[in-house]
Amino acid sequence: MKKETLHQDAIIPHDIRYAIDKMRQGKFMRRAGWNGKDYRIGLQLRDAGSANTEPYVYMLVPGPSGELFRVPWTCSQTDLLAHDWDVVD
């Protein structure tokens, strides 16, 4: 079996660990494989006004007038194993 090596110009895939780390820094994430063009996920951490006792991941989905709706998000196995996670600017 041939051993793969990383070259300086190689593209390093962004897996779910990368996505979680970035969300902990306050970034929003998306996958290239998602059908929804402007879909993104974020991490809500517990704060003084939070009714939730644990952090949770949510998705922002664009509405018909361009507003963003916050909805619960659960990771699928496809999302969990994907390597196409990107930061939303």
N, C-alpha and C. Protein backbone atom coordinates (compact mmCIF):
# COMPACT_ATOMS: atom_id res chain seq x y z
N MET A 1 0.83 -1.17 0.00
CA MET A 1 0.00 0.00 0.00
C MET A 1 0.89 1.25 0.00
N LYS A 2 0.59 2.17 -0.90
CA LYS A 2 1.37 3.39 -1.02
C LYS A 2 1.03 4.37 0.10
N LYS A 3 2.03 4.93 0.73
CA LYS A 3 1.83 5.90 1.80
C LYS A 3 1.68 7.29 1.19
N GLU A 4 0.62 8.00 1.60
CA GLU A 4 0.40 9.35 1.07
C GLU A 4 1.18 10.37 1.88
N THR A 5 1.66 11.40 1.19
CA THR A 5 2.37 12.48 1.87
C THR A 5 1.68 13.79 1.54
N LEU A 6 1.76 14.72 2.46
CA LEU A 6 1.19 16.05 2.23
C LEU A 6 2.25 16.97 1.66
N HIS A 7 1.92 17.65 0.61
CA HIS A 7 2.82 18.63 0.02
C HIS A 7 2.40 20.01 0.50
N GLN A 8 3.26 20.98 0.38
CA GLN A 8 2.99 22.33 0.86
C GLN A 8 1.73 22.92 0.25
N ASP A 9 1.43 22.59 -1.00
CA ASP A 9 0.27 23.16 -1.66
C ASP A 9 -0.94 22.22 -1.63
N ALA A 10 -0.87 21.15 -0.85
CA ALA A 10 -1.98 20.21 -0.76
C ALA A 10 -3.14 20.85 -0.02
N ILE A 11 -4.35 20.49 -0.42
CA ILE A 11 -5.55 20.96 0.26
C ILE A 11 -5.81 20.03 1.43
N ILE A 12 -5.86 20.59 2.63
CA ILE A 12 -6.13 19.80 3.81
C ILE A 12 -7.64 19.78 4.03
N PRO A 13 -8.25 18.60 4.07
CA PRO A 13 -9.70 18.53 4.23
C PRO A 13 -10.14 19.05 5.60
N HIS A 14 -11.31 19.63 5.63
CA HIS A 14 -11.87 20.16 6.86
C HIS A 14 -12.97 19.23 7.34
N ASP A 15 -12.70 18.50 8.41
CA ASP A 15 -13.65 17.54 8.94
C ASP A 15 -14.50 18.15 10.05
N ILE A 16 -15.32 17.31 10.70
CA ILE A 16 -16.24 17.80 11.73
C ILE A 16 -15.48 18.40 12.91
N ARG A 17 -14.30 17.89 13.22
CA ARG A 17 -13.51 18.45 14.32
C ARG A 17 -13.13 19.90 14.01
N TYR A 18 -12.74 20.15 12.77
CA TYR A 18 -12.42 21.51 12.32
C TYR A 18 -13.65 22.40 12.49
N ALA A 19 -14.82 21.89 12.06
CA ALA A 19 -16.06 22.67 12.15
C ALA A 19 -16.39 23.01 13.59
N ILE A 20 -16.28 22.06 14.48
CA ILE A 20 -16.59 22.29 15.90
C ILE A 20 -15.62 23.30 16.50
N ASP A 21 -14.34 23.14 16.21
CA ASP A 21 -13.34 24.09 16.72
C ASP A 21 -13.64 25.51 16.27
N LYS A 22 -13.99 25.68 15.01
CA LYS A 22 -14.30 27.01 14.49
C LYS A 22 -15.58 27.58 15.12
N MET A 23 -16.59 26.72 15.32
CA MET A 23 -17.82 27.20 15.95
C MET A 23 -17.57 27.61 17.40
N ARG A 24 -16.66 26.94 18.08
CA ARG A 24 -16.30 27.34 19.45
C ARG A 24 -15.64 28.72 19.46
N GLN A 25 -15.07 29.12 18.33
CA GLN A 25 -14.46 30.45 18.19
C GLN A 25 -15.49 31.49 17.73
N GLY A 26 -16.74 31.08 17.59
CA GLY A 26 -17.80 32.01 17.19
C GLY A 26 -18.08 32.06 15.70
N LYS A 27 -17.47 31.18 14.92
CA LYS A 27 -17.67 31.17 13.47
C LYS A 27 -18.90 30.34 13.10
N PHE A 28 -19.45 30.61 11.93
CA PHE A 28 -20.51 29.79 11.35
C PHE A 28 -19.88 28.89 10.30
N MET A 29 -20.47 27.69 10.15
CA MET A 29 -19.92 26.69 9.24
C MET A 29 -20.97 26.23 8.25
N ARG A 30 -20.49 25.72 7.10
CA ARG A 30 -21.38 25.10 6.10
C ARG A 30 -20.61 23.99 5.42
N ARG A 31 -21.35 23.16 4.72
CA ARG A 31 -20.74 22.10 3.94
C ARG A 31 -20.95 22.38 2.46
N ALA A 32 -19.94 22.08 1.68
CA ALA A 32 -20.06 22.25 0.23
C ALA A 32 -21.13 21.32 -0.33
N GLY A 33 -21.36 20.20 0.33
CA GLY A 33 -22.32 19.20 -0.15
C GLY A 33 -23.78 19.50 0.18
N TRP A 34 -24.05 20.58 0.91
CA TRP A 34 -25.43 20.90 1.25
C TRP A 34 -26.15 21.55 0.08
N ASN A 35 -27.43 21.23 -0.08
CA ASN A 35 -28.23 21.80 -1.16
C ASN A 35 -28.60 23.25 -0.89
N GLY A 36 -28.84 23.59 0.38
CA GLY A 36 -29.23 24.96 0.73
C GLY A 36 -28.05 25.91 0.59
N LYS A 37 -28.14 26.84 -0.35
CA LYS A 37 -27.04 27.75 -0.66
C LYS A 37 -26.56 28.54 0.54
N ASP A 38 -27.48 29.10 1.32
CA ASP A 38 -27.11 29.98 2.42
C ASP A 38 -27.28 29.32 3.80
N TYR A 39 -27.40 28.00 3.83
CA TYR A 39 -27.53 27.30 5.11
C TYR A 39 -26.20 27.35 5.84
N ARG A 40 -26.28 27.48 7.15
CA ARG A 40 -25.06 27.49 7.98
C ARG A 40 -25.43 27.02 9.38
N ILE A 41 -24.44 26.53 10.09
CA ILE A 41 -24.69 26.11 11.47
C ILE A 41 -23.81 26.92 12.41
N GLY A 42 -24.28 27.05 13.63
CA GLY A 42 -23.55 27.76 14.65
C GLY A 42 -23.67 27.04 15.98
N LEU A 43 -22.89 27.45 16.93
CA LEU A 43 -22.88 26.84 18.27
C LEU A 43 -23.38 27.87 19.27
N GLN A 44 -24.42 27.52 20.01
CA GLN A 44 -24.92 28.37 21.09
C GLN A 44 -24.34 27.87 22.40
N LEU A 45 -23.52 28.69 23.02
CA LEU A 45 -22.96 28.35 24.32
C LEU A 45 -23.88 28.85 25.42
N ARG A 46 -23.83 28.22 26.55
CA ARG A 46 -24.65 28.64 27.69
C ARG A 46 -24.16 30.00 28.17
N ASP A 47 -25.10 30.89 28.44
CA ASP A 47 -24.75 32.18 29.02
C ASP A 47 -25.72 32.49 30.16
N ALA A 48 -25.58 33.64 30.78
CA ALA A 48 -26.37 33.99 31.97
C ALA A 48 -27.87 33.96 31.69
N GLY A 49 -28.30 34.32 30.49
CA GLY A 49 -29.72 34.37 30.17
C GLY A 49 -30.25 33.10 29.51
N SER A 50 -29.43 32.09 29.38
CA SER A 50 -29.81 30.88 28.66
C SER A 50 -30.66 29.94 29.52
N ALA A 51 -31.72 29.42 28.93
CA ALA A 51 -32.54 28.42 29.61
C ALA A 51 -31.92 27.02 29.45
N ASN A 52 -31.04 26.88 28.46
CA ASN A 52 -30.39 25.59 28.23
C ASN A 52 -29.18 25.44 29.15
N THR A 53 -28.97 24.23 29.62
CA THR A 53 -27.85 23.99 30.52
C THR A 53 -26.61 23.49 29.78
N GLU A 54 -26.76 23.14 28.51
CA GLU A 54 -25.65 22.63 27.71
C GLU A 54 -25.60 23.38 26.37
N PRO A 55 -24.41 23.45 25.76
CA PRO A 55 -24.31 24.05 24.41
C PRO A 55 -25.11 23.23 23.40
N TYR A 56 -25.53 23.86 22.33
CA TYR A 56 -26.22 23.13 21.26
C TYR A 56 -25.89 23.76 19.91
N VAL A 57 -26.04 22.96 18.87
CA VAL A 57 -25.80 23.41 17.50
C VAL A 57 -27.15 23.71 16.85
N TYR A 58 -27.20 24.81 16.13
CA TYR A 58 -28.41 25.20 15.42
C TYR A 58 -28.07 25.54 13.98
N MET A 59 -29.09 25.55 13.14
CA MET A 59 -28.91 25.92 11.73
C MET A 59 -29.64 27.22 11.46
N LEU A 60 -29.02 28.09 10.69
CA LEU A 60 -29.67 29.30 10.19
C LEU A 60 -30.13 29.01 8.77
N VAL A 61 -31.43 29.17 8.56
CA VAL A 61 -32.05 28.87 7.26
C VAL A 61 -32.67 30.16 6.74
N PRO A 62 -32.37 30.54 5.49
CA PRO A 62 -32.96 31.77 4.95
C PRO A 62 -34.45 31.63 4.67
N GLY A 63 -35.20 32.66 5.08
CA GLY A 63 -36.63 32.69 4.81
C GLY A 63 -36.92 33.36 3.48
N PRO A 64 -38.19 33.42 3.12
CA PRO A 64 -38.56 33.98 1.81
C PRO A 64 -38.22 35.45 1.62
N SER A 65 -38.12 36.19 2.72
CA SER A 65 -37.81 37.63 2.63
C SER A 65 -36.35 37.92 2.94
N GLY A 66 -35.53 36.87 3.04
CA GLY A 66 -34.11 37.05 3.30
C GLY A 66 -33.73 36.99 4.77
N GLU A 67 -34.73 36.95 5.66
CA GLU A 67 -34.42 36.83 7.08
C GLU A 67 -33.92 35.41 7.38
N LEU A 68 -33.16 35.27 8.46
CA LEU A 68 -32.62 33.97 8.83
C LEU A 68 -33.40 33.40 10.01
N PHE A 69 -33.85 32.16 9.87
CA PHE A 69 -34.56 31.46 10.92
C PHE A 69 -33.60 30.50 11.61
N ARG A 70 -33.64 30.49 12.94
CA ARG A 70 -32.81 29.57 13.73
C ARG A 70 -33.64 28.32 14.01
N VAL A 71 -33.13 27.17 13.58
CA VAL A 71 -33.82 25.89 13.79
C VAL A 71 -32.85 24.88 14.39
N PRO A 72 -33.36 23.89 15.14
CA PRO A 72 -32.49 22.86 15.69
C PRO A 72 -31.79 22.09 14.57
N TRP A 73 -30.59 21.63 14.84
CA TRP A 73 -29.84 20.85 13.85
C TRP A 73 -29.24 19.62 14.51
N THR A 74 -29.39 18.50 13.83
CA THR A 74 -28.78 17.25 14.26
C THR A 74 -27.88 16.76 13.14
N CYS A 75 -26.68 16.40 13.49
CA CYS A 75 -25.69 15.94 12.53
C CYS A 75 -26.06 14.56 11.97
N SER A 76 -26.06 14.43 10.65
CA SER A 76 -26.26 13.13 10.03
C SER A 76 -24.92 12.40 9.95
N GLN A 77 -24.94 11.13 9.64
CA GLN A 77 -23.69 10.40 9.46
C GLN A 77 -22.89 10.96 8.30
N THR A 78 -23.58 11.40 7.26
CA THR A 78 -22.90 12.01 6.12
C THR A 78 -22.16 13.27 6.54
N ASP A 79 -22.83 14.12 7.33
CA ASP A 79 -22.20 15.35 7.83
C ASP A 79 -21.03 15.01 8.75
N LEU A 80 -21.23 14.03 9.61
CA LEU A 80 -20.21 13.64 10.58
C LEU A 80 -18.92 13.19 9.91
N LEU A 81 -19.03 12.48 8.79
CA LEU A 81 -17.86 11.91 8.12
C LEU A 81 -17.35 12.75 6.96
N ALA A 82 -18.01 13.87 6.69
CA ALA A 82 -17.63 14.72 5.55
C ALA A 82 -16.30 15.45 5.79
N HIS A 83 -15.66 15.80 4.69
CA HIS A 83 -14.40 16.57 4.73
C HIS A 83 -14.51 17.85 3.90
N ASP A 84 -15.73 18.39 3.81
CA ASP A 84 -15.94 19.60 3.00
C ASP A 84 -16.53 20.75 3.82
N TRP A 85 -16.18 20.83 5.10
CA TRP A 85 -16.64 21.90 5.97
C TRP A 85 -15.86 23.19 5.69
N ASP A 86 -16.59 24.30 5.62
CA ASP A 86 -15.97 25.61 5.39
C ASP A 86 -16.55 26.65 6.33
N VAL A 87 -15.74 27.65 6.66
CA VAL A 87 -16.18 28.78 7.46
C VAL A 87 -17.01 29.71 6.57
N VAL A 88 -18.13 30.19 7.11
CA VAL A 88 -18.95 31.17 6.41
C VAL A 88 -18.45 32.55 6.81
N ASP A 89 -18.09 33.34 5.82
CA ASP A 89 -17.59 34.70 6.10
C ASP A 89 -18.72 35.67 6.34
